Amino acid sequence: MGKCQFSVHHVELYLACFPITDTIIYVSVFSVSQQI
């Protein structure tokens, strides 16, 4: 864990701070949460 903070409005920051696999999971979960 680095000092990077992320929010749903700054996906690019998330991409820059975390591994791509974790980012895919994050985007998938976020997409599902938006549908509920």
PDB file of N, CA and C in Angstrom:
ATOM      1  N   MET A   1       0.831  -1.194   0.000  1.00  0.00           N
ATOM      2  CA  MET A   1       0.000   0.000   0.000  1.00  0.00           C
ATOM      3  C   MET A   1       0.877   1.260   0.000  1.00  0.00           C
ATOM      4  N   GLY A   2       0.640   2.097  -0.986  1.00  0.00           N
ATOM      5  CA  GLY A   2       1.381   3.346  -1.047  1.00  0.00           C
ATOM      6  C   GLY A   2       0.567   4.477  -0.459  1.00  0.00           C
ATOM      7  N   LYS A   3       0.979   5.690  -0.739  1.00  0.00           N
ATOM      8  CA  LYS A   3       0.263   6.854  -0.222  1.00  0.00           C
ATOM      9  C   LYS A   3      -0.879   7.263  -1.147  1.00  0.00           C
ATOM     10  N   CYS A   4      -1.036   6.526  -2.237  1.00  0.00           N
ATOM     11  CA  CYS A   4      -2.044   6.890  -3.225  1.00  0.00           C
ATOM     12  C   CYS A   4      -3.449   6.763  -2.647  1.00  0.00           C
ATOM     13  N   GLN A   5      -4.245   7.790  -2.878  1.00  0.00           N
ATOM     14  CA  GLN A   5      -5.652   7.733  -2.518  1.00  0.00           C
ATOM     15  C   GLN A   5      -6.451   7.641  -3.810  1.00  0.00           C
ATOM     16  N   PHE A   6      -7.586   6.964  -3.768  1.00  0.00           N
ATOM     17  CA  PHE A   6      -8.377   6.816  -4.979  1.00  0.00           C
ATOM     18  C   PHE A   6      -9.834   7.106  -4.685  1.00  0.00           C
ATOM     19  N   SER A   7     -10.546   7.510  -5.710  1.00  0.00           N
ATOM     20  CA  SER A   7     -11.985   7.703  -5.597  1.00  0.00           C
ATOM     21  C   SER A   7     -12.606   7.318  -6.924  1.00  0.00           C
ATOM     22  N   VAL A   8     -13.907   7.189  -6.955  1.00  0.00           N
ATOM     23  CA  VAL A   8     -14.594   6.777  -8.171  1.00  0.00           C
ATOM     24  C   VAL A   8     -14.466   7.830  -9.259  1.00  0.00           C
ATOM     25  N   HIS A   9     -14.073   9.044  -8.878  1.00  0.00           N
ATOM     26  CA  HIS A   9     -13.953  10.124  -9.850  1.00  0.00           C
ATOM     27  C   HIS A   9     -12.532  10.215 -10.397  1.00  0.00           C
ATOM     28  N   HIS A  10     -11.633   9.420  -9.872  1.00  0.00           N
ATOM     29  CA  HIS A  10     -10.244   9.491 -10.301  1.00  0.00           C
ATOM     30  C   HIS A  10      -9.716   8.092 -10.601  1.00  0.00           C
ATOM     31  N   VAL A  11     -10.354   7.442 -11.566  1.00  0.00           N
ATOM     32  CA  VAL A  11      -9.960   6.084 -11.925  1.00  0.00           C
ATOM     33  C   VAL A  11      -8.535   6.062 -12.465  1.00  0.00           C
ATOM     34  N   GLU A  12      -8.135   7.138 -13.162  1.00  0.00           N
ATOM     35  CA  GLU A  12      -6.777   7.183 -13.705  1.00  0.00           C
ATOM     36  C   GLU A  12      -5.740   7.152 -12.596  1.00  0.00           C
ATOM     37  N   LEU A  13      -6.036   7.837 -11.488  1.00  0.00           N
ATOM     38  CA  LEU A  13      -5.127   7.824 -10.346  1.00  0.00           C
ATOM     39  C   LEU A  13      -5.032   6.418  -9.783  1.00  0.00           C
ATOM     40  N   TYR A  14      -6.174   5.751  -9.704  1.00  0.00           N
ATOM     41  CA  TYR A  14      -6.207   4.372  -9.234  1.00  0.00           C
ATOM     42  C   TYR A  14      -5.353   3.488 -10.134  1.00  0.00           C
ATOM     43  N   LEU A  15      -5.509   3.665 -11.450  1.00  0.00           N
ATOM     44  CA  LEU A  15      -4.745   2.880 -12.409  1.00  0.00           C
ATOM     45  C   LEU A  15      -3.249   3.092 -12.229  1.00  0.00           C
ATOM     46  N   ALA A  16      -2.870   4.317 -11.895  1.00  0.00           N
ATOM     47  CA  ALA A  16      -1.460   4.649 -11.769  1.00  0.00           C
ATOM     48  C   ALA A  16      -0.853   4.109 -10.477  1.00  0.00           C
ATOM     49  N   CYS A  17      -1.692   3.827  -9.499  1.00  0.00           N
ATOM     50  CA  CYS A  17      -1.183   3.480  -8.173  1.00  0.00           C
ATOM     51  C   CYS A  17      -1.292   1.992  -7.841  1.00  0.00           C
ATOM     52  N   PHE A  18      -2.127   1.266  -8.567  1.00  0.00           N
ATOM     53  CA  PHE A  18      -2.379  -0.120  -8.220  1.00  0.00           C
ATOM     54  C   PHE A  18      -2.174  -1.039  -9.424  1.00  0.00           C
ATOM     55  N   PRO A  19      -1.929  -2.315  -9.186  1.00  0.00           N
ATOM     56  CA  PRO A  19      -1.772  -3.290 -10.259  1.00  0.00           C
ATOM     57  C   PRO A  19      -3.017  -3.352 -11.130  1.00  0.00           C
ATOM     58  N   ILE A  20      -2.829  -3.642 -12.413  1.00  0.00           N
ATOM     59  CA  ILE A  20      -3.937  -3.655 -13.364  1.00  0.00           C
ATOM     60  C   ILE A  20      -4.995  -4.680 -12.988  1.00  0.00           C
ATOM     61  N   THR A  21      -4.606  -5.799 -12.414  1.00  0.00           N
ATOM     62  CA  THR A  21      -5.592  -6.816 -12.039  1.00  0.00           C
ATOM     63  C   THR A  21      -6.537  -6.284 -10.975  1.00  0.00           C
ATOM     64  N   ASP A  22      -5.977  -5.621  -9.970  1.00  0.00           N
ATOM     65  CA  ASP A  22      -6.808  -5.040  -8.914  1.00  0.00           C
ATOM     66  C   ASP A  22      -7.717  -3.960  -9.481  1.00  0.00           C
ATOM     67  N   THR A  23      -7.206  -3.234 -10.473  1.00  0.00           N
ATOM     68  CA  THR A  23      -8.002  -2.185 -11.099  1.00  0.00           C
ATOM     69  C   THR A  23      -9.190  -2.770 -11.833  1.00  0.00           C
ATOM     70  N   ILE A  24      -8.970  -3.883 -12.541  1.00  0.00           N
ATOM     71  CA  ILE A  24     -10.063  -4.550 -13.250  1.00  0.00           C
ATOM     72  C   ILE A  24     -11.134  -4.989 -12.254  1.00  0.00           C
ATOM     73  N   ILE A  25     -10.708  -5.555 -11.135  1.00  0.00           N
ATOM     74  CA  ILE A  25     -11.654  -5.985 -10.105  1.00  0.00           C
ATOM     75  C   ILE A  25     -12.420  -4.783  -9.563  1.00  0.00           C
ATOM     76  N   TYR A  26     -11.702  -3.687  -9.307  1.00  0.00           N
ATOM     77  CA  TYR A  26     -12.323  -2.470  -8.793  1.00  0.00           C
ATOM     78  C   TYR A  26     -13.381  -1.955  -9.762  1.00  0.00           C
ATOM     79  N   VAL A  27     -13.028  -1.885 -11.041  1.00  0.00           N
ATOM     80  CA  VAL A  27     -13.966  -1.390 -12.050  1.00  0.00           C
ATOM     81  C   VAL A  27     -15.167  -2.316 -12.159  1.00  0.00           C
ATOM     82  N   SER A  28     -14.933  -3.621 -12.084  1.00  0.00           N
ATOM     83  CA  SER A  28     -16.031  -4.582 -12.178  1.00  0.00           C
ATOM     84  C   SER A  28     -16.994  -4.419 -11.009  1.00  0.00           C
ATOM     85  N   VAL A  29     -16.466  -4.314  -9.804  1.00  0.00           N
ATOM     86  CA  VAL A  29     -17.300  -4.152  -8.615  1.00  0.00           C
ATOM     87  C   VAL A  29     -18.043  -2.825  -8.673  1.00  0.00           C
ATOM     88  N   PHE A  30     -17.353  -1.778  -9.110  1.00  0.00           N
ATOM     89  CA  PHE A  30     -17.980  -0.464  -9.207  1.00  0.00           C
ATOM     90  C   PHE A  30     -19.118  -0.492 -10.216  1.00  0.00           C
ATOM     91  N   SER A  31     -18.911  -1.162 -11.344  1.00  0.00           N
ATOM     92  CA  SER A  31     -19.949  -1.251 -12.372  1.00  0.00           C
ATOM     93  C   SER A  31     -21.181  -1.969 -11.835  1.00  0.00           C
ATOM     94  N   VAL A  32     -20.967  -3.045 -11.103  1.00  0.00           N
ATOM     95  CA  VAL A  32     -22.077  -3.799 -10.521  1.00  0.00           C
ATOM     96  C   VAL A  32     -22.810  -2.949  -9.489  1.00  0.00           C
ATOM     97  N   SER A  33     -22.064  -2.217  -8.685  1.00  0.00           N
ATOM     98  CA  SER A  33     -22.684  -1.403  -7.637  1.00  0.00           C
ATOM     99  C   SER A  33     -23.537  -0.292  -8.242  1.00  0.00           C
ATOM    100  N   GLN A  34     -23.169   0.171  -9.413  1.00  0.00           N
ATOM    101  CA  GLN A  34     -23.947   1.215 -10.076  1.00  0.00           C
ATOM    102  C   GLN A  34     -25.275   0.678 -10.607  1.00  0.00           C
ATOM    103  N   GLN A  35     -25.321  -0.623 -10.885  1.00  0.00           N
ATOM    104  CA  GLN A  35     -26.529  -1.225 -11.446  1.00  0.00           C
ATOM    105  C   GLN A  35     -27.561  -1.521 -10.365  1.00  0.00           C
ATOM    106  N   ILE A  36     -27.088  -1.669  -9.123  1.00  0.00           N
ATOM    107  CA  ILE A  36     -28.004  -2.002  -8.028  1.00  0.00           C
ATOM    108  C   ILE A  36     -28.768  -0.751  -7.580  1.00  0.00           C
TER     109      ILE A  36
END
